[in-house]
């Protein structure tokens, strides 16, 4: 749990999880907890697969991270942190309202 890997991996998963949960909530009016309970196995395997895939670039030593316009390591870190906060806010909102927090 040393170095940039944990935060990068958690940030990537948070970006995916926040976008998926928010999209599903908007489309189906289903809270995050219900979404997870409806499909726990596919969600678990998706997170395991993406976590594993996120480790592959860390094995490439001596290679400079690729930057393409606004897509760079710093932007990924900031977006990951924002997604982590967004996901927590979404879940807390659902707990406080007792259902879907947005609709």
PDB file of N, CA and C in Angstrom:
ATOM      1  N   UNK A   1       0.823  -1.192   0.000  1.00  0.00           N
ATOM      2  CA  UNK A   1       0.000   0.000   0.000  1.00  0.00           C
ATOM      3  C   UNK A   1       0.859   1.245   0.000  1.00  0.00           C
ATOM      4  N   UNK A   2       1.995   1.154  -0.672  1.00  0.00           N
ATOM      5  CA  UNK A   2       2.906   2.278  -0.720  1.00  0.00           C
ATOM      6  C   UNK A   2       2.964   2.807  -2.148  1.00  0.00           C
ATOM      7  N   UNK A   3       3.206   4.065  -2.299  1.00  0.00           N
ATOM      8  CA  UNK A   3       3.319   4.655  -3.619  1.00  0.00           C
ATOM      9  C   UNK A   3       1.974   5.130  -4.146  1.00  0.00           C
ATOM     10  N   UNK A   4       1.937   5.436  -5.435  1.00  0.00           N
ATOM     11  CA  UNK A   4       0.731   6.014  -6.021  1.00  0.00           C
ATOM     12  C   UNK A   4      -0.361   5.005  -6.367  1.00  0.00           C
ATOM     13  N   UNK A   5      -0.051   3.728  -6.382  1.00  0.00           N
ATOM     14  CA  UNK A   5      -1.003   2.714  -6.863  1.00  0.00           C
ATOM     15  C   UNK A   5      -2.340   2.712  -6.135  1.00  0.00           C
ATOM     16  N   UNK A   6      -2.380   2.698  -4.803  1.00  0.00           N
ATOM     17  CA  UNK A   6      -3.689   2.628  -4.139  1.00  0.00           C
ATOM     18  C   UNK A   6      -4.614   3.785  -4.488  1.00  0.00           C
ATOM     19  N   UNK A   7      -4.089   4.998  -4.504  1.00  0.00           N
ATOM     20  CA  UNK A   7      -4.952   6.143  -4.805  1.00  0.00           C
ATOM     21  C   UNK A   7      -5.384   6.150  -6.271  1.00  0.00           C
ATOM     22  N   UNK A   8      -4.503   5.773  -7.162  1.00  0.00           N
ATOM     23  CA  UNK A   8      -4.852   5.728  -8.587  1.00  0.00           C
ATOM     24  C   UNK A   8      -5.917   4.667  -8.831  1.00  0.00           C
ATOM     25  N   UNK A   9      -5.729   3.483  -8.265  1.00  0.00           N
ATOM     26  CA  UNK A   9      -6.697   2.396  -8.470  1.00  0.00           C
ATOM     27  C   UNK A   9      -8.041   2.762  -7.854  1.00  0.00           C
ATOM     28  N   UNK A  10      -8.026   3.255  -6.614  1.00  0.00           N
ATOM     29  CA  UNK A  10      -9.285   3.645  -5.980  1.00  0.00           C
ATOM     30  C   UNK A  10      -9.960   4.787  -6.728  1.00  0.00           C
ATOM     31  N   UNK A  11      -9.174   5.711  -7.251  1.00  0.00           N
ATOM     32  CA  UNK A  11      -9.734   6.810  -8.035  1.00  0.00           C
ATOM     33  C   UNK A  11     -10.390   6.312  -9.314  1.00  0.00           C
ATOM     34  N   UNK A  12      -9.736   5.392 -10.003  1.00  0.00           N
ATOM     35  CA  UNK A  12     -10.318   4.833 -11.235  1.00  0.00           C
ATOM     36  C   UNK A  12     -11.615   4.078 -10.937  1.00  0.00           C
ATOM     37  N   UNK A  13     -11.594   3.298  -9.874  1.00  0.00           N
ATOM     38  CA  UNK A  13     -12.811   2.573  -9.497  1.00  0.00           C
ATOM     39  C   UNK A  13     -13.914   3.528  -9.062  1.00  0.00           C
ATOM     40  N   UNK A  14     -13.541   4.597  -8.375  1.00  0.00           N
ATOM     41  CA  UNK A  14     -14.535   5.588  -7.961  1.00  0.00           C
ATOM     42  C   UNK A  14     -15.144   6.287  -9.169  1.00  0.00           C
ATOM     43  N   UNK A  15     -14.317   6.604 -10.165  1.00  0.00           N
ATOM     44  CA  UNK A  15     -14.850   7.235 -11.378  1.00  0.00           C
ATOM     45  C   UNK A  15     -15.857   6.312 -12.061  1.00  0.00           C
ATOM     46  N   UNK A  16     -15.502   5.051 -12.181  1.00  0.00           N
ATOM     47  CA  UNK A  16     -16.410   4.079 -12.790  1.00  0.00           C
ATOM     48  C   UNK A  16     -17.660   3.899 -11.935  1.00  0.00           C
ATOM     49  N   UNK A  17     -17.473   3.706 -10.638  1.00  0.00           N
ATOM     50  CA  UNK A  17     -18.603   3.470  -9.747  1.00  0.00           C
ATOM     51  C   UNK A  17     -19.543   4.654  -9.664  1.00  0.00           C
ATOM     52  N   UNK A  18     -18.994   5.859  -9.586  1.00  0.00           N
ATOM     53  CA  UNK A  18     -19.835   7.049  -9.499  1.00  0.00           C
ATOM     54  C   UNK A  18     -20.626   7.238 -10.787  1.00  0.00           C
ATOM     55  N   UNK A  19     -19.967   7.113 -11.928  1.00  0.00           N
ATOM     56  CA  UNK A  19     -20.667   7.283 -13.206  1.00  0.00           C
ATOM     57  C   UNK A  19     -21.752   6.216 -13.382  1.00  0.00           C
ATOM     58  N   UNK A  20     -21.441   4.973 -13.032  1.00  0.00           N
ATOM     59  CA  UNK A  20     -22.411   3.881 -13.186  1.00  0.00           C
ATOM     60  C   UNK A  20     -23.584   4.056 -12.218  1.00  0.00           C
ATOM     61  N   UNK A  21     -23.285   4.361 -10.954  1.00  0.00           N
ATOM     62  CA  UNK A  21     -24.351   4.514  -9.959  1.00  0.00           C
ATOM     63  C   UNK A  21     -25.239   5.701 -10.275  1.00  0.00           C
ATOM     64  N   UNK A  22     -24.635   6.811 -10.656  1.00  0.00           N
ATOM     65  CA  UNK A  22     -25.410   8.000 -10.981  1.00  0.00           C
ATOM     66  C   UNK A  22     -26.260   7.775 -12.230  1.00  0.00           C
ATOM     67  N   UNK A  23     -25.659   7.158 -13.247  1.00  0.00           N
ATOM     68  CA  UNK A  23     -26.406   6.861 -14.481  1.00  0.00           C
ATOM     69  C   UNK A  23     -27.579   5.933 -14.225  1.00  0.00           C
ATOM     70  N   UNK A  24     -27.348   4.890 -13.437  1.00  0.00           N
ATOM     71  CA  UNK A  24     -28.426   3.949 -13.126  1.00  0.00           C
ATOM     72  C   UNK A  24     -29.493   4.605 -12.263  1.00  0.00           C
ATOM     73  N   UNK A  25     -29.080   5.473 -11.347  1.00  0.00           N
ATOM     74  CA  UNK A  25     -30.059   6.153 -10.495  1.00  0.00           C
ATOM     75  C   UNK A  25     -30.932   7.092 -11.325  1.00  0.00           C
ATOM     76  N   UNK A  26     -30.321   7.800 -12.248  1.00  0.00           N
ATOM     77  CA  UNK A  26     -31.095   8.699 -13.106  1.00  0.00           C
ATOM     78  C   UNK A  26     -32.048   7.906 -14.007  1.00  0.00           C
ATOM     79  N   UNK A  27     -31.567   6.793 -14.550  1.00  0.00           N
ATOM     80  CA  UNK A  27     -32.383   6.009 -15.481  1.00  0.00           C
ATOM     81  C   UNK A  27     -33.481   5.203 -14.803  1.00  0.00           C
ATOM     82  N   UNK A  28     -33.187   4.660 -13.612  1.00  0.00           N
ATOM     83  CA  UNK A  28     -34.147   3.734 -12.986  1.00  0.00           C
ATOM     84  C   UNK A  28     -34.718   4.223 -11.658  1.00  0.00           C
ATOM     85  N   UNK A  29     -34.192   5.345 -11.134  1.00  0.00           N
ATOM     86  CA  UNK A  29     -34.616   5.871  -9.830  1.00  0.00           C
ATOM     87  C   UNK A  29     -34.361   4.861  -8.705  1.00  0.00           C
ATOM     88  N   UNK A  30     -33.298   4.061  -8.854  1.00  0.00           N
ATOM     89  CA  UNK A  30     -32.936   3.040  -7.872  1.00  0.00           C
ATOM     90  C   UNK A  30     -31.725   3.506  -7.071  1.00  0.00           C
ATOM     91  N   UNK A  31     -31.799   3.488  -5.742  1.00  0.00           N
ATOM     92  CA  UNK A  31     -30.654   3.900  -4.920  1.00  0.00           C
ATOM     93  C   UNK A  31     -29.446   2.976  -5.112  1.00  0.00           C
ATOM     94  N   UNK A  32     -28.261   3.481  -4.769  1.00  0.00           N
ATOM     95  CA  UNK A  32     -27.013   2.731  -4.928  1.00  0.00           C
ATOM     96  C   UNK A  32     -27.071   1.404  -4.188  1.00  0.00           C
ATOM     97  N   UNK A  33     -27.542   1.406  -2.954  1.00  0.00           N
ATOM     98  CA  UNK A  33     -27.596   0.167  -2.169  1.00  0.00           C
ATOM     99  C   UNK A  33     -28.408  -0.896  -2.900  1.00  0.00           C
ATOM    100  N   UNK A  34     -29.548  -0.519  -3.442  1.00  0.00           N
ATOM    101  CA  UNK A  34     -30.382  -1.471  -4.178  1.00  0.00           C
ATOM    102  C   UNK A  34     -29.693  -1.943  -5.451  1.00  0.00           C
ATOM    103  N   UNK A  35     -28.994  -1.039  -6.115  1.00  0.00           N
ATOM    104  CA  UNK A  35     -28.265  -1.420  -7.328  1.00  0.00           C
ATOM    105  C   UNK A  35     -27.228  -2.492  -7.014  1.00  0.00           C
ATOM    106  N   UNK A  36     -26.494  -2.299  -5.920  1.00  0.00           N
ATOM    107  CA  UNK A  36     -25.453  -3.263  -5.540  1.00  0.00           C
ATOM    108  C   UNK A  36     -26.076  -4.598  -5.143  1.00  0.00           C
ATOM    109  N   UNK A  37     -27.170  -4.558  -4.404  1.00  0.00           N
ATOM    110  CA  UNK A  37     -27.821  -5.799  -3.972  1.00  0.00           C
ATOM    111  C   UNK A  37     -28.447  -6.562  -5.130  1.00  0.00           C
ATOM    112  N   UNK A  38     -28.800  -5.881  -6.209  1.00  0.00           N
ATOM    113  CA  UNK A  38     -29.407  -6.539  -7.361  1.00  0.00           C
ATOM    114  C   UNK A  38     -28.380  -7.280  -8.221  1.00  0.00           C
ATOM    115  N   UNK A  39     -27.125  -6.861  -8.188  1.00  0.00           N
ATOM    116  CA  UNK A  39     -26.108  -7.500  -9.036  1.00  0.00           C
ATOM    117  C   UNK A  39     -24.752  -7.536  -8.338  1.00  0.00           C
ATOM    118  N   UNK A  40     -24.642  -8.200  -7.185  1.00  0.00           N
ATOM    119  CA  UNK A  40     -23.367  -8.155  -6.447  1.00  0.00           C
ATOM    120  C   UNK A  40     -22.215  -8.878  -7.150  1.00  0.00           C
ATOM    121  N   UNK A  41     -22.496 -10.006  -7.785  1.00  0.00           N
ATOM    122  CA  UNK A  41     -21.412 -10.782  -8.403  1.00  0.00           C
ATOM    123  C   UNK A  41     -20.813 -10.056  -9.610  1.00  0.00           C
ATOM    124  N   UNK A  42     -21.620  -9.565 -10.569  1.00  0.00           N
ATOM    125  CA  UNK A  42     -21.016  -8.821 -11.682  1.00  0.00           C
ATOM    126  C   UNK A  42     -20.265  -7.567 -11.230  1.00  0.00           C
ATOM    127  N   UNK A  43     -20.792  -6.883 -10.238  1.00  0.00           N
ATOM    128  CA  UNK A  43     -20.117  -5.679  -9.736  1.00  0.00           C
ATOM    129  C   UNK A  43     -18.784  -6.053  -9.109  1.00  0.00           C
ATOM    130  N   UNK A  44     -18.763  -7.102  -8.304  1.00  0.00           N
ATOM    131  CA  UNK A  44     -17.530  -7.550  -7.666  1.00  0.00           C
ATOM    132  C   UNK A  44     -16.476  -7.923  -8.712  1.00  0.00           C
ATOM    133  N   UNK A  45     -16.858  -8.713  -9.718  1.00  0.00           N
ATOM    134  CA  UNK A  45     -15.885  -9.141 -10.727  1.00  0.00           C
ATOM    135  C   UNK A  45     -15.420  -7.978 -11.600  1.00  0.00           C
ATOM    136  N   UNK A  46     -16.278  -7.012 -11.836  1.00  0.00           N
ATOM    137  CA  UNK A  46     -15.858  -5.827 -12.586  1.00  0.00           C
ATOM    138  C   UNK A  46     -14.789  -5.064 -11.815  1.00  0.00           C
ATOM    139  N   UNK A  47     -15.000  -4.881 -10.516  1.00  0.00           N
ATOM    140  CA  UNK A  47     -14.010  -4.175  -9.713  1.00  0.00           C
ATOM    141  C   UNK A  47     -12.705  -4.956  -9.605  1.00  0.00           C
ATOM    142  N   UNK A  48     -12.768  -6.276  -9.479  1.00  0.00           N
ATOM    143  CA  UNK A  48     -11.543  -7.085  -9.424  1.00  0.00           C
ATOM    144  C   UNK A  48     -10.785  -6.984 -10.750  1.00  0.00           C
ATOM    145  N   UNK A  49     -11.509  -7.085 -11.858  1.00  0.00           N
ATOM    146  CA  UNK A  49     -10.881  -7.004 -13.183  1.00  0.00           C
ATOM    147  C   UNK A  49     -10.215  -5.643 -13.384  1.00  0.00           C
ATOM    148  N   UNK A  50     -10.918  -4.569 -13.061  1.00  0.00           N
ATOM    149  CA  UNK A  50     -10.355  -3.238 -13.256  1.00  0.00           C
ATOM    150  C   UNK A  50      -9.207  -2.945 -12.293  1.00  0.00           C
ATOM    151  N   UNK A  51      -9.291  -3.466 -11.085  1.00  0.00           N
ATOM    152  CA  UNK A  51      -8.181  -3.306 -10.140  1.00  0.00           C
ATOM    153  C   UNK A  51      -6.935  -4.009 -10.664  1.00  0.00           C
ATOM    154  N   UNK A  52      -7.117  -5.200 -11.180  1.00  0.00           N
ATOM    155  CA  UNK A  52      -5.986  -5.955 -11.737  1.00  0.00           C
ATOM    156  C   UNK A  52      -5.409  -5.247 -12.949  1.00  0.00           C
ATOM    157  N   UNK A  53      -6.274  -4.756 -13.822  1.00  0.00           N
ATOM    158  CA  UNK A  53      -5.805  -4.057 -15.018  1.00  0.00           C
ATOM    159  C   UNK A  53      -5.070  -2.772 -14.664  1.00  0.00           C
ATOM    160  N   UNK A  54      -5.468  -2.131 -13.586  1.00  0.00           N
ATOM    161  CA  UNK A  54      -4.806  -0.895 -13.171  1.00  0.00           C
ATOM    162  C   UNK A  54      -3.385  -1.137 -12.677  1.00  0.00           C
ATOM    163  N   UNK A  55      -3.074  -2.349 -12.267  1.00  0.00           N
ATOM    164  CA  UNK A  55      -1.732  -2.669 -11.781  1.00  0.00           C
ATOM    165  C   UNK A  55      -0.738  -2.904 -12.912  1.00  0.00           C
ATOM    166  N   UNK A  56      -1.217  -3.225 -14.093  1.00  0.00           N
ATOM    167  CA  UNK A  56      -0.324  -3.557 -15.211  1.00  0.00           C
ATOM    168  C   UNK A  56       0.637  -2.409 -15.545  1.00  0.00           C
ATOM    169  N   UNK A  57       0.161  -1.151 -15.701  1.00  0.00           N
ATOM    170  CA  UNK A  57       1.112  -0.086 -16.023  1.00  0.00           C
ATOM    171  C   UNK A  57       2.164   0.158 -14.953  1.00  0.00           C
ATOM    172  N   UNK A  58       1.901  -0.215 -13.712  1.00  0.00           N
ATOM    173  CA  UNK A  58       2.877  -0.003 -12.649  1.00  0.00           C
ATOM    174  C   UNK A  58       4.095  -0.901 -12.814  1.00  0.00           C
ATOM    175  N   UNK A  59       3.957  -1.992 -13.564  1.00  0.00           N
ATOM    176  CA  UNK A  59       5.070  -2.891 -13.809  1.00  0.00           C
ATOM    177  C   UNK A  59       6.019  -2.395 -14.885  1.00  0.00           C
ATOM    178  N   UNK A  60       5.614  -1.370 -15.615  1.00  0.00           N
ATOM    179  CA  UNK A  60       6.456  -0.800 -16.666  1.00  0.00           C
ATOM    180  C   UNK A  60       7.321   0.285 -16.025  1.00  0.00           C
ATOM    181  N   UNK A  61       8.583  -0.026 -15.842  1.00  0.00           N
ATOM    182  CA  UNK A  61       9.497   0.875 -15.150  1.00  0.00           C
ATOM    183  C   UNK A  61      10.264   1.714 -16.168  1.00  0.00           C
ATOM    184  N   UNK A  62      10.479   2.974 -15.833  1.00  0.00           N
ATOM    185  CA  UNK A  62      11.296   3.826 -16.677  1.00  0.00           C
ATOM    186  C   UNK A  62      10.554   4.436 -17.850  1.00  0.00           C
ATOM    187  N   UNK A  63       9.265   4.295 -17.888  1.00  0.00           N
ATOM    188  CA  UNK A  63       8.483   4.857 -18.987  1.00  0.00           C
ATOM    189  C   UNK A  63       7.710   6.067 -18.483  1.00  0.00           C
ATOM    190  N   UNK A  64       7.829   7.159 -19.201  1.00  0.00           N
ATOM    191  CA  UNK A  64       7.143   8.387 -18.808  1.00  0.00           C
ATOM    192  C   UNK A  64       5.646   8.239 -19.091  1.00  0.00           C
ATOM    193  N   UNK A  65       4.783   8.677 -18.162  1.00  0.00           N
ATOM    194  CA  UNK A  65       3.343   8.607 -18.406  1.00  0.00           C
ATOM    195  C   UNK A  65       2.959   9.410 -19.645  1.00  0.00           C
ATOM    196  N   UNK A  66       2.056   8.858 -20.437  1.00  0.00           N
ATOM    197  CA  UNK A  66       1.609   9.504 -21.670  1.00  0.00           C
ATOM    198  C   UNK A  66       0.613  10.613 -21.321  1.00  0.00           C
ATOM    199  N   UNK A  67       0.809  11.767 -21.933  1.00  0.00           N
ATOM    200  CA  UNK A  67      -0.113  12.880 -21.754  1.00  0.00           C
ATOM    201  C   UNK A  67      -0.733  13.203 -23.101  1.00  0.00           C
ATOM    202  N   UNK A  68      -2.032  13.445 -23.086  1.00  0.00           N
ATOM    203  CA  UNK A  68      -2.733  13.802 -24.314  1.00  0.00           C
ATOM    204  C   UNK A  68      -3.723  14.906 -23.982  1.00  0.00           C
ATOM    205  N   UNK A  69      -3.321  16.138 -24.263  1.00  0.00           N
ATOM    206  CA  UNK A  69      -4.185  17.272 -23.956  1.00  0.00           C
ATOM    207  C   UNK A  69      -4.486  17.337 -22.471  1.00  0.00           C
ATOM    208  N   UNK A  70      -5.791  17.367 -22.121  1.00  0.00           N
ATOM    209  CA  UNK A  70      -6.146  17.456 -20.704  1.00  0.00           C
ATOM    210  C   UNK A  70      -6.012  16.128 -19.957  1.00  0.00           C
ATOM    211  N   UNK A  71      -5.701  15.054 -20.676  1.00  0.00           N
ATOM    212  CA  UNK A  71      -5.586  13.732 -20.055  1.00  0.00           C
ATOM    213  C   UNK A  71      -4.149  13.509 -19.612  1.00  0.00           C
ATOM    214  N   UNK A  72      -3.903  13.686 -18.325  1.00  0.00           N
ATOM    215  CA  UNK A  72      -2.566  13.509 -17.782  1.00  0.00           C
ATOM    216  C   UNK A  72      -2.690  12.945 -16.367  1.00  0.00           C
ATOM    217  N   UNK A  73      -1.593  12.474 -15.793  1.00  0.00           N
ATOM    218  CA  UNK A  73      -1.664  11.864 -14.457  1.00  0.00           C
ATOM    219  C   UNK A  73      -2.257  12.779 -13.386  1.00  0.00           C
ATOM    220  N   UNK A  74      -1.957  14.066 -13.436  1.00  0.00           N
ATOM    221  CA  UNK A  74      -2.499  14.992 -12.428  1.00  0.00           C
ATOM    222  C   UNK A  74      -4.011  15.104 -12.566  1.00  0.00           C
ATOM    223  N   UNK A  75      -4.506  15.216 -13.782  1.00  0.00           N
ATOM    224  CA  UNK A  75      -5.954  15.303 -14.003  1.00  0.00           C
ATOM    225  C   UNK A  75      -6.639  14.018 -13.548  1.00  0.00           C
ATOM    226  N   UNK A  76      -6.009  12.876 -13.799  1.00  0.00           N
ATOM    227  CA  UNK A  76      -6.595  11.610 -13.368  1.00  0.00           C
ATOM    228  C   UNK A  76      -6.693  11.545 -11.842  1.00  0.00           C
ATOM    229  N   UNK A  77      -5.668  12.037 -11.172  1.00  0.00           N
ATOM    230  CA  UNK A  77      -5.665  12.044  -9.713  1.00  0.00           C
ATOM    231  C   UNK A  77      -6.771  12.958  -9.169  1.00  0.00           C
ATOM    232  N   UNK A  78      -6.905  14.148  -9.742  1.00  0.00           N
ATOM    233  CA  UNK A  78      -7.935  15.086  -9.301  1.00  0.00           C
ATOM    234  C   UNK A  78      -9.332  14.536  -9.595  1.00  0.00           C
ATOM    235  N   UNK A  79      -9.529  13.985 -10.789  1.00  0.00           N
ATOM    236  CA  UNK A  79     -10.834  13.408 -11.143  1.00  0.00           C
ATOM    237  C   UNK A  79     -11.174  12.222 -10.249  1.00  0.00           C
ATOM    238  N   UNK A  80     -10.182  11.412  -9.909  1.00  0.00           N
ATOM    239  CA  UNK A  80     -10.407  10.278  -9.020  1.00  0.00           C
ATOM    240  C   UNK A  80     -10.825  10.727  -7.632  1.00  0.00           C
ATOM    241  N   UNK A  81     -10.169  11.753  -7.139  1.00  0.00           N
ATOM    242  CA  UNK A  81     -10.535  12.284  -5.811  1.00  0.00           C
ATOM    243  C   UNK A  81     -11.951  12.864  -5.837  1.00  0.00           C
ATOM    244  N   UNK A  82     -12.272  13.589  -6.904  1.00  0.00           N
ATOM    245  CA  UNK A  82     -13.615  14.164  -7.022  1.00  0.00           C
ATOM    246  C   UNK A  82     -14.670  13.054  -7.104  1.00  0.00           C
ATOM    247  N   UNK A  83     -14.360  11.978  -7.813  1.00  0.00           N
ATOM    248  CA  UNK A  83     -15.306  10.858  -7.918  1.00  0.00           C
ATOM    249  C   UNK A  83     -15.494  10.160  -6.579  1.00  0.00           C
ATOM    250  N   UNK A  84     -14.412  10.045  -5.805  1.00  0.00           N
ATOM    251  CA  UNK A  84     -14.536   9.449  -4.469  1.00  0.00           C
ATOM    252  C   UNK A  84     -15.470  10.285  -3.601  1.00  0.00           C
ATOM    253  N   UNK A  85     -15.283  11.594  -3.632  1.00  0.00           N
ATOM    254  CA  UNK A  85     -16.155  12.484  -2.859  1.00  0.00           C
ATOM    255  C   UNK A  85     -17.585  12.451  -3.400  1.00  0.00           C
ATOM    256  N   UNK A  86     -17.728  12.398  -4.714  1.00  0.00           N
ATOM    257  CA  UNK A  86     -19.056  12.343  -5.317  1.00  0.00           C
ATOM    258  C   UNK A  86     -19.807  11.081  -4.941  1.00  0.00           C
ATOM    259  N   UNK A  87     -19.112   9.954  -4.922  1.00  0.00           N
ATOM    260  CA  UNK A  87     -19.758   8.693  -4.569  1.00  0.00           C
ATOM    261  C   UNK A  87     -20.208   8.704  -3.110  1.00  0.00           C
ATOM    262  N   UNK A  88     -19.334   9.197  -2.239  1.00  0.00           N
ATOM    263  CA  UNK A  88     -19.695   9.289  -0.816  1.00  0.00           C
ATOM    264  C   UNK A  88     -20.886  10.229  -0.642  1.00  0.00           C
ATOM    265  N   UNK A  89     -20.878  11.343  -1.331  1.00  0.00           N
ATOM    266  CA  UNK A  89     -21.991  12.298  -1.254  1.00  0.00           C
ATOM    267  C   UNK A  89     -23.287  11.666  -1.739  1.00  0.00           C
ATOM    268  N   UNK A  90     -23.211  10.894  -2.814  1.00  0.00           N
ATOM    269  CA  UNK A  90     -24.390  10.209  -3.342  1.00  0.00           C
ATOM    270  C   UNK A  90     -24.956   9.231  -2.312  1.00  0.00           C
ATOM    271  N   UNK A  91     -24.091   8.440  -1.698  1.00  0.00           N
ATOM    272  CA  UNK A  91     -24.528   7.455  -0.701  1.00  0.00           C
ATOM    273  C   UNK A  91     -25.074   8.145   0.551  1.00  0.00           C
ATOM    274  N   UNK A  92     -24.391   9.176   1.033  1.00  0.00           N
ATOM    275  CA  UNK A  92     -24.868   9.904   2.223  1.00  0.00           C
ATOM    276  C   UNK A  92     -26.216  10.551   1.934  1.00  0.00           C
ATOM    277  N   UNK A  93     -26.380  11.108   0.746  1.00  0.00           N
ATOM    278  CA  UNK A  93     -27.658  11.695   0.373  1.00  0.00           C
ATOM    279  C   UNK A  93     -28.777  10.676   0.386  1.00  0.00           C
ATOM    280  N   UNK A  94     -28.479   9.465  -0.058  1.00  0.00           N
ATOM    281  CA  UNK A  94     -29.486   8.402  -0.055  1.00  0.00           C
ATOM    282  C   UNK A  94     -29.825   7.964   1.365  1.00  0.00           C
ATOM    283  N   UNK A  95     -28.828   7.916   2.226  1.00  0.00           N
ATOM    284  CA  UNK A  95     -29.082   7.542   3.618  1.00  0.00           C
ATOM    285  C   UNK A  95     -29.957   8.603   4.293  1.00  0.00           C
ATOM    286  N   UNK A  96     -29.656   9.861   4.051  1.00  0.00           N
ATOM    287  CA  UNK A  96     -30.402  10.948   4.686  1.00  0.00           C
ATOM    288  C   UNK A  96     -31.838  11.067   4.167  1.00  0.00           C
ATOM    289  N   UNK A  97     -32.037  10.770   2.879  1.00  0.00           N
ATOM    290  CA  UNK A  97     -33.386  10.893   2.314  1.00  0.00           C
ATOM    291  C   UNK A  97     -34.164   9.584   2.373  1.00  0.00           C
ATOM    292  N   UNK A  98     -33.474   8.484   2.636  1.00  0.00           N
ATOM    293  CA  UNK A  98     -34.144   7.189   2.715  1.00  0.00           C
ATOM    294  C   UNK A  98     -34.466   6.579   1.368  1.00  0.00           C
ATOM    295  N   UNK A  99     -33.852   7.053   0.311  1.00  0.00           N
ATOM    296  CA  UNK A  99     -34.095   6.509  -1.030  1.00  0.00           C
ATOM    297  C   UNK A  99     -33.127   7.125  -2.005  1.00  0.00           C
ATOM    298  N   UNK A 100     -33.488   7.118  -3.280  1.00  0.00           N
ATOM    299  CA  UNK A 100     -32.635   7.702  -4.298  1.00  0.00           C
ATOM    300  C   UNK A 100     -32.421   9.175  -3.980  1.00  0.00           C
ATOM    301  N   UNK A 101     -31.177   9.610  -3.981  1.00  0.00           N
ATOM    302  CA  UNK A 101     -30.876  10.965  -3.515  1.00  0.00           C
ATOM    303  C   UNK A 101     -31.178  12.046  -4.541  1.00  0.00           C
ATOM    304  N   UNK A 102     -31.232  11.695  -5.808  1.00  0.00           N
ATOM    305  CA  UNK A 102     -31.442  12.723  -6.819  1.00  0.00           C
ATOM    306  C   UNK A 102     -32.873  12.794  -7.331  1.00  0.00           C
ATOM    307  N   UNK A 103     -33.464  11.656  -7.545  1.00  0.00           N
ATOM    308  CA  UNK A 103     -34.795  11.660  -8.175  1.00  0.00           C
ATOM    309  C   UNK A 103     -35.749  10.742  -7.431  1.00  0.00           C
TER     310      UNK A 103
END
